[in-house]
């Protein structure tokens, strides 16, 4: 017994191997980007550990300035909660807010209310657009930061004149206060502002950059002198390190969203990656041009096409579509034989009388044969095929 070998599969559905071949380049690029991001985050987290923390001896910590202040009799206390910072405000206290932009708008308003008439000094370190207008009303932060460092004081503030040149470049400020002292200008905008309080004898100092407080920058220029004078004007220093775990931040109605907490550089990088991906997609996308006739590599017989289509109909159990295709083709072949225009080949009123005139059978079975309902099973479909073939042969003979 000879059995025919099954034909090779000609399916165009993507296989697992094809998908891997197409996408392995993209997957590799994504993995490399993620690995680079993790490495950068690890490096940054190691380098910036304990930033602006007076208990940290790391390069970006501030333990050195705290110890120098202690030698001068100034005590330093670290707080991480808003209520502790508010209660510490007083005429003999300097309140340093290390990262003002981490505070919500409600926290900023409450902190300003507590310090405005306390008679003490409030120091805002690198306060940006998000926080400076609430913590120091009348002071406006310029969106463009300055990289000019060190800078000369160029003002009459005694602390700045004694310190001389210092690394204050960073956020730049303007103010509407006529009695404010603007120091260390960069492109005519101040990087250090001292704004006297309206009452109580206190003041607010807005510092554009935290560099003068870092351990590894304290011995450069006049950084140590400026830091000690600004922070040591009162016997007590309260160092406020805002924390995201502070319960006062979670109850704020105007809490900051995730996008507000992300650095602006990450947002710009994401936008650049999106533009690069769009350009790459445009570059690699398939371009559709005008249709061009192309010779097929092999000739496929009509019988094979018909057989393949029949198998698809059978697999889908589509006897209605198969019978409709058979009847439509028969009507199109019968119309020229009986003198009916092709445009009316599918109109029973035009086709049936012309075909009946060539036959001796009754008109109702003819209507059912050419325009009837779909067969109920495969046997009925085969019988319908035979009847259509017999009808066409009889019309041709007549």
Protein backbone atom coordinates (compact mmCIF):
# COMPACT_ATOMS: atom_id res chain seq x y z
CA UNK A 1 0.00 0.00 0.00
CA UNK A 2 1.45 3.33 -1.10
CA UNK A 3 0.60 6.38 0.96
CA UNK A 4 1.05 9.89 -0.30
CA UNK A 5 3.45 12.05 1.72
CA UNK A 6 1.75 15.01 3.37
CA UNK A 7 2.45 18.30 1.62
CA UNK A 8 4.84 20.78 3.23
CA UNK A 9 3.21 23.44 5.31
CA UNK A 10 2.97 26.80 3.52
CA UNK A 11 1.52 28.67 6.49
CA UNK A 12 2.59 32.31 6.76
CA UNK A 13 1.71 32.51 10.46
CA UNK A 14 4.71 33.74 12.52
CA UNK A 15 6.48 30.99 14.39
CA UNK A 16 8.39 31.32 17.62
CA UNK A 17 11.71 31.25 15.80
CA UNK A 18 10.61 33.97 13.37
CA UNK A 19 9.38 36.16 16.20
CA UNK A 20 12.66 35.75 18.06
CA UNK A 21 14.68 36.58 14.92
CA UNK A 22 12.67 39.74 14.31
CA UNK A 23 12.57 41.01 17.88
CA UNK A 24 15.92 39.98 19.34
CA UNK A 25 17.53 43.28 18.32
CA UNK A 26 14.84 45.32 20.06
CA UNK A 27 14.94 43.08 23.15
CA UNK A 28 18.73 43.42 23.35
CA UNK A 29 18.49 47.22 23.07
CA UNK A 30 15.86 47.36 25.84
CA UNK A 31 17.97 45.15 28.10
CA UNK A 32 21.04 47.35 27.53
CA UNK A 33 19.06 50.52 28.28
CA UNK A 34 17.64 49.03 31.48
CA UNK A 35 21.08 47.81 32.56
CA UNK A 36 22.56 51.26 31.93
CA UNK A 37 19.73 52.91 33.89
CA UNK A 38 20.24 50.55 36.85
CA UNK A 39 23.99 51.15 36.77
CA UNK A 40 23.56 54.92 36.65
CA UNK A 41 21.04 54.81 39.51
CA UNK A 42 23.42 52.68 41.57
CA UNK A 43 26.33 55.03 40.94
CA UNK A 44 24.26 58.11 41.73
CA UNK A 45 22.79 56.56 44.87
CA UNK A 46 26.28 55.68 46.10
CA UNK A 47 27.74 59.09 45.31
CA UNK A 48 24.85 61.08 46.78
CA UNK A 49 24.31 59.03 49.91
CA UNK A 50 23.47 61.32 52.82
CA UNK A 51 23.28 64.46 50.69
CA UNK A 52 22.92 67.65 52.79
CA UNK A 53 22.70 65.56 55.97
CA UNK A 54 24.70 67.15 58.83
CA UNK A 55 25.30 63.65 60.23
CA UNK A 56 26.92 62.37 57.01
CA UNK A 57 30.67 62.42 56.34
CA UNK A 58 30.20 61.56 52.65
CA UNK A 59 31.39 64.09 50.04
CA UNK A 60 27.87 65.43 49.58
CA UNK A 61 27.06 65.35 53.28
CA UNK A 62 27.29 68.36 55.64
CA UNK A 63 28.91 66.99 58.77
CA UNK A 64 31.92 69.30 58.48
CA UNK A 65 29.90 72.50 58.71
CA UNK A 66 27.90 71.08 61.64
CA UNK A 67 31.12 70.32 63.57
CA UNK A 68 32.54 73.78 62.84
CA UNK A 69 29.33 75.33 64.13
CA UNK A 70 29.51 73.17 67.27
CA UNK A 71 33.00 74.55 67.97
CA UNK A 72 31.45 78.03 67.87
CA UNK A 73 28.73 77.06 70.34
CA UNK A 74 25.92 76.58 67.81
CA UNK A 75 23.89 73.41 68.36
CA UNK A 76 22.55 71.50 65.37
CA UNK A 77 19.39 69.39 65.50
CA UNK A 78 18.02 67.36 62.57
CA UNK A 79 14.26 67.08 62.06
CA UNK A 80 12.36 65.29 59.29
CA UNK A 81 8.77 66.20 60.15
CA UNK A 82 6.90 69.41 59.44
CA UNK A 83 5.40 69.75 62.93
CA UNK A 84 8.90 69.53 64.50
CA UNK A 85 10.22 72.20 62.14
CA UNK A 86 7.28 74.52 62.86
CA UNK A 87 7.57 74.16 66.62
CA UNK A 88 11.33 74.82 66.49
CA UNK A 89 10.93 78.26 64.87
CA UNK A 90 11.92 81.07 67.23
CA UNK A 91 14.04 84.23 67.60
CA UNK A 92 17.13 82.27 68.73
CA UNK A 93 16.87 79.62 66.00
CA UNK A 94 18.02 79.31 62.41
CA UNK A 95 15.78 76.94 60.42
CA UNK A 96 17.50 75.46 57.37
CA UNK A 97 15.19 73.74 54.85
CA UNK A 98 17.44 71.41 52.88
CA UNK A 99 15.15 70.41 49.99
CA UNK A 100 12.19 72.83 49.89
CA UNK A 101 10.83 71.43 46.62
CA UNK A 102 9.93 68.15 48.37
CA UNK A 103 7.28 69.96 50.42
CA UNK A 104 3.69 70.11 49.21
CA UNK A 105 1.99 73.46 48.76
CA UNK A 106 0.07 73.05 52.01
CA UNK A 107 3.27 72.20 53.91
CA UNK A 108 4.99 75.24 52.42
CA UNK A 109 2.15 77.55 53.47
CA UNK A 110 2.11 76.15 57.03
CA UNK A 111 5.87 76.43 57.36
CA UNK A 112 5.88 80.05 56.16
CA UNK A 113 3.10 80.93 58.61
CA UNK A 114 5.18 79.51 61.47
CA UNK A 115 8.42 81.30 60.50
CA UNK A 116 7.17 84.66 59.17
CA UNK A 117 6.86 86.35 62.56
CA UNK A 118 9.12 84.05 64.64
CA UNK A 119 12.01 86.51 64.70
CA UNK A 120 14.47 83.81 63.61
CA UNK A 121 16.26 83.13 60.33
CA UNK A 122 14.99 80.76 57.65
CA UNK A 123 17.42 79.45 55.02
CA UNK A 124 16.03 77.89 51.86
CA UNK A 125 18.56 75.79 49.95
CA UNK A 126 18.08 75.70 46.14
CA UNK A 127 14.37 76.50 46.34
CA UNK A 128 12.85 76.24 42.85
CA UNK A 129 9.69 77.51 41.20
CA UNK A 130 7.61 74.90 43.06
CA UNK A 131 8.39 76.22 46.55
CA UNK A 132 10.06 79.64 46.66
CA UNK A 133 6.97 81.78 46.04
CA UNK A 134 5.20 80.26 49.07
CA UNK A 135 8.13 80.01 51.44
CA UNK A 136 9.44 83.46 50.49
CA UNK A 137 6.58 85.53 49.03
CA UNK A 138 7.81 88.18 46.62
CA UNK A 139 10.80 86.09 45.48
CA UNK A 140 10.67 84.54 42.00
CA UNK A 141 12.93 81.71 40.79
CA UNK A 142 14.26 81.86 37.26
CA UNK A 143 13.60 78.59 35.34
CA UNK A 144 17.13 78.65 33.87
CA UNK A 145 19.81 77.76 36.39
CA UNK A 146 23.32 79.18 36.40
CA UNK A 147 26.50 77.14 36.09
CA UNK A 148 28.72 80.11 36.92
CA UNK A 149 30.73 79.20 39.98
CA UNK A 150 32.43 80.68 41.92
CA UNK A 151 30.80 84.11 42.00
CA UNK A 152 31.74 87.43 43.59
CA UNK A 153 29.38 88.90 46.24
CA UNK A 154 28.80 92.32 44.60
CA UNK A 155 26.47 93.44 47.42
CA UNK A 156 26.51 95.18 50.81
CA UNK A 157 25.53 92.13 52.90
CA UNK A 158 28.22 91.86 55.63
CA UNK A 159 28.32 88.05 55.57
CA UNK A 160 28.88 88.02 51.81
CA UNK A 161 31.52 90.79 51.85
CA UNK A 162 33.54 89.02 54.54
CA UNK A 163 33.29 85.65 52.78
CA UNK A 164 34.19 86.96 49.33
CA UNK A 165 33.99 84.66 46.33
CA UNK A 166 31.89 81.53 46.90
CA UNK A 167 30.30 78.62 45.03
CA UNK A 168 26.74 79.91 44.99
CA UNK A 169 25.86 79.36 41.31
CA UNK A 170 22.58 77.50 40.79
CA UNK A 171 19.01 78.75 40.93
CA UNK A 172 18.76 82.49 40.24
CA UNK A 173 16.21 84.79 41.83
CA UNK A 174 14.50 88.14 41.44
CA UNK A 175 12.44 89.90 44.10
CA UNK A 176 9.87 92.65 44.51
CA UNK A 177 11.15 93.55 48.01
CA UNK A 178 12.87 96.90 47.91
CA UNK A 179 14.78 96.21 51.13
CA UNK A 180 16.07 92.81 49.99
CA UNK A 181 19.83 92.31 49.56
CA UNK A 182 20.79 90.58 46.30
CA UNK A 183 24.22 88.95 46.26
CA UNK A 184 26.40 86.81 44.01
CA UNK A 185 24.75 87.84 40.74
CA UNK A 186 24.90 85.64 37.66
CA UNK A 187 23.80 87.41 34.49
CA UNK A 188 22.31 90.18 36.67
CA UNK A 189 20.18 87.74 38.69
CA UNK A 190 21.04 86.99 42.31
CA UNK A 191 21.98 83.52 43.52
CA UNK A 192 21.68 84.59 47.16
CA UNK A 193 18.90 86.76 48.55
CA UNK A 194 18.28 88.05 52.07
CA UNK A 195 14.72 89.24 52.63
CA UNK A 196 14.01 90.92 56.02
CA UNK A 197 10.77 89.91 57.73
CA UNK A 198 7.96 92.44 57.87
CA UNK A 199 7.93 92.18 61.67
CA UNK A 200 9.79 90.42 64.46
CA UNK A 201 13.34 91.12 63.30
CA UNK A 202 13.83 87.83 61.47
CA UNK A 203 14.79 87.25 57.88
CA UNK A 204 14.75 84.67 55.07
CA UNK A 205 17.88 83.73 53.12
CA UNK A 206 17.38 82.06 49.74
CA UNK A 207 20.48 80.21 48.61
CA UNK A 208 20.66 79.17 44.95
CA UNK A 209 22.92 76.12 45.38
CA UNK A 210 23.89 73.78 48.25
CA UNK A 211 27.60 73.63 47.29
CA UNK A 212 28.85 75.74 50.19
CA UNK A 213 27.39 73.17 52.62
CA UNK A 214 29.02 70.06 51.10
CA UNK A 215 31.93 68.42 52.93
CA UNK A 216 34.13 68.30 49.83
CA UNK A 217 33.46 71.94 48.87
CA UNK A 218 33.63 73.60 52.28
CA UNK A 219 37.37 74.35 52.06
CA UNK A 220 37.13 76.02 48.64
CA UNK A 221 36.82 79.77 47.98
CA UNK A 222 34.92 81.53 50.77
CA UNK A 223 32.41 78.69 51.19
CA UNK A 224 33.19 77.91 54.83
CA UNK A 225 33.06 81.56 55.89
CA UNK A 226 29.74 82.16 54.13
CA UNK A 227 28.17 78.95 55.46
CA UNK A 228 29.25 79.57 59.05
CA UNK A 229 28.02 83.17 59.04
CA UNK A 230 24.64 82.34 57.48
CA UNK A 231 23.99 79.31 59.70
CA UNK A 232 25.62 80.61 62.89
CA UNK A 233 23.74 83.88 63.38
CA UNK A 234 21.61 82.25 66.15
CA UNK A 235 22.67 79.86 68.92
CA UNK A 236 20.46 77.03 67.66
CA UNK A 237 20.33 75.51 64.17
CA UNK A 238 17.41 73.26 63.19
CA UNK A 239 18.26 71.30 60.03
CA UNK A 240 15.01 70.30 58.33
CA UNK A 241 15.35 67.36 55.91
CA UNK A 242 11.85 66.97 54.36
CA UNK A 243 10.78 63.35 54.14
CA UNK A 244 8.22 61.72 51.87
CA UNK A 245 7.23 59.54 54.83
CA UNK A 246 5.97 62.61 56.73
CA UNK A 247 2.26 62.12 57.45
CA UNK A 248 1.60 65.81 56.79
CA UNK A 249 2.49 65.23 53.13
CA UNK A 250 0.00 62.37 52.67
CA UNK A 251 -2.94 64.39 54.00
CA UNK A 252 -2.28 67.38 51.78
CA UNK A 253 -4.95 68.10 49.21
CA UNK A 254 -2.33 69.49 46.83
CA UNK A 255 0.22 66.69 47.22
CA UNK A 256 2.78 66.39 44.47
CA UNK A 257 2.33 63.77 41.79
CA UNK A 258 4.94 61.25 40.69
CA UNK A 259 5.87 63.45 37.73
CA UNK A 260 6.51 66.40 40.06
CA UNK A 261 8.96 64.32 42.08
CA UNK A 262 10.92 63.18 39.03
CA UNK A 263 13.88 65.38 38.08
CA UNK A 264 13.37 67.41 34.93
CA UNK A 265 16.27 65.59 33.27
CA UNK A 266 14.39 62.29 33.36
CA UNK A 267 11.37 63.83 31.67
CA UNK A 268 13.51 65.31 28.91
CA UNK A 269 15.34 62.00 28.48
CA UNK A 270 12.03 60.17 28.15
CA UNK A 271 10.88 62.66 25.51
CA UNK A 272 14.14 62.22 23.59
CA UNK A 273 13.81 58.42 23.71
CA UNK A 274 10.24 58.70 22.40
CA UNK A 275 11.37 60.90 19.50
CA UNK A 276 14.25 58.50 18.73
CA UNK A 277 11.87 55.52 18.76
CA UNK A 278 9.46 57.33 16.42
CA UNK A 279 12.29 58.17 14.01
CA UNK A 280 13.54 54.57 14.12
CA UNK A 281 10.04 53.27 13.42
CA UNK A 282 9.68 55.67 10.50
CA UNK A 283 13.09 54.59 9.20
CA UNK A 284 12.43 50.86 9.46
CA UNK A 285 8.74 50.89 8.54
CA UNK A 286 7.65 49.22 5.31
CA UNK A 287 6.91 51.81 2.67
CA UNK A 288 3.88 51.16 0.47
CA UNK A 289 4.28 52.40 -3.09
CA UNK A 290 2.23 51.91 -6.27
CA UNK A 291 1.22 48.37 -7.18
CA UNK A 292 3.76 46.65 -9.42
CA UNK A 293 2.87 43.48 -11.34
CA UNK A 294 5.15 40.64 -10.40
CA UNK A 295 5.50 37.23 -11.98
CA UNK A 296 4.76 34.45 -9.56
CA UNK A 297 7.69 32.14 -8.87
CA UNK A 298 5.49 29.09 -9.57
CA UNK A 299 2.28 28.48 -11.52
CA UNK A 300 -0.64 27.24 -9.43
CA UNK A 301 -3.34 25.31 -11.19
CA UNK A 302 -6.90 26.51 -10.85
CA UNK A 303 -7.99 23.08 -9.60
CA UNK A 304 -5.57 23.35 -6.66
CA UNK A 305 -6.89 26.81 -5.77
CA UNK A 306 -10.47 25.54 -5.95
CA UNK A 307 -9.63 22.51 -3.83
CA UNK A 308 -7.86 24.63 -1.24
CA UNK A 309 -10.77 27.03 -0.98
CA UNK A 310 -13.20 24.11 -0.64
CA UNK A 311 -11.15 22.70 2.22
CA UNK A 312 -11.25 26.04 3.99
CA UNK A 313 -15.06 26.15 3.59
CA UNK A 314 -15.31 22.61 4.93
CA UNK A 315 -13.03 23.34 7.89
CA UNK A 316 -15.14 26.38 8.79
CA UNK A 317 -18.39 24.44 8.23
CA UNK A 318 -19.44 27.23 5.83
CA UNK A 319 -21.99 25.40 3.67
CA UNK A 320 -23.92 28.64 3.22
CA UNK A 321 -20.93 30.40 1.62
CA UNK A 322 -20.07 27.36 -0.50
CA UNK A 323 -23.62 26.95 -1.82
CA UNK A 324 -23.91 30.68 -2.48
CA UNK A 325 -20.65 30.61 -4.50
CA UNK A 326 -21.85 27.56 -6.52
CA UNK A 327 -25.25 29.08 -7.31
CA UNK A 328 -23.76 32.47 -8.22
CA UNK A 329 -21.26 30.90 -10.65
CA UNK A 330 -24.02 28.78 -12.23
CA UNK A 331 -26.30 31.79 -12.71
CA UNK A 332 -23.47 33.75 -14.36
CA UNK A 333 -22.85 30.89 -16.81
CA UNK A 334 -26.54 30.32 -17.56
CA UNK A 335 -27.42 33.98 -18.26
CA UNK A 336 -25.54 34.27 -21.62
CA UNK A 337 -26.92 30.88 -22.72
CA UNK A 338 -30.55 31.96 -22.29
CA UNK A 339 -30.12 35.55 -23.53
CA UNK A 340 -30.22 37.35 -20.16
CA UNK A 341 -27.76 40.23 -19.51
CA UNK A 342 -25.14 39.51 -16.87
CA UNK A 343 -26.41 42.49 -14.85
CA UNK A 344 -29.72 40.58 -14.36
CA UNK A 345 -28.19 37.14 -13.81
CA UNK A 346 -29.00 37.26 -10.09
CA UNK A 347 -32.57 38.55 -10.55
CA UNK A 348 -35.08 35.66 -10.30
CA UNK A 349 -37.76 37.53 -12.32
CA UNK A 350 -35.42 37.83 -15.31
CA UNK A 351 -33.41 34.57 -15.15
CA UNK A 352 -35.98 31.93 -14.15
CA UNK A 353 -38.46 32.47 -17.06
CA UNK A 354 -35.64 32.38 -19.61
CA UNK A 355 -34.18 29.16 -18.17
CA UNK A 356 -37.63 27.54 -17.83
CA UNK A 357 -38.28 28.17 -21.51
CA UNK A 358 -35.36 25.85 -22.32
CA UNK A 359 -36.48 23.11 -19.95
CA UNK A 360 -39.51 20.91 -19.33
CA UNK A 361 -39.29 20.92 -15.49
CA UNK A 362 -41.50 22.92 -13.14
CA UNK A 363 -40.51 26.51 -12.23
CA UNK A 364 -40.69 26.14 -8.43
CA UNK A 365 -37.96 23.44 -8.17
CA UNK A 366 -35.86 25.62 -10.50
CA UNK A 367 -36.26 28.61 -8.16
CA UNK A 368 -35.31 26.48 -5.19
CA UNK A 369 -32.29 25.14 -7.08
CA UNK A 370 -30.87 28.52 -8.16
CA UNK A 371 -32.10 30.81 -5.34
CA UNK A 372 -32.97 28.43 -2.50
CA UNK A 373 -31.74 28.24 1.10
CA UNK A 374 -28.34 26.75 2.00
CA UNK A 375 -28.14 22.97 2.39
CA UNK A 376 -28.37 21.49 5.85
CA UNK A 377 -25.46 19.01 5.63
CA UNK A 378 -22.57 17.95 3.43
CA UNK A 379 -24.64 15.34 1.60
CA UNK A 380 -27.18 17.99 0.60
CA UNK A 381 -24.35 20.26 -0.57
CA UNK A 382 -22.98 17.49 -2.83
CA UNK A 383 -26.46 16.82 -4.18
CA UNK A 384 -26.89 20.54 -4.91
CA UNK A 385 -23.60 20.50 -6.87
CA UNK A 386 -24.75 17.58 -8.97
CA UNK A 387 -28.13 19.21 -9.68
CA UNK A 388 -26.50 22.48 -10.77
CA UNK A 389 -24.15 20.62 -13.11
CA UNK A 390 -27.07 18.66 -14.59
CA UNK A 391 -29.09 21.86 -15.09
CA UNK A 392 -26.22 23.59 -16.89
CA UNK A 393 -25.66 20.58 -19.18
CA UNK A 394 -29.35 20.41 -20.07
CA UNK A 395 -29.47 24.12 -20.93
CA UNK A 396 -26.39 23.80 -23.13
CA UNK A 397 -27.90 20.82 -25.01
CA UNK A 398 -31.12 22.69 -25.64
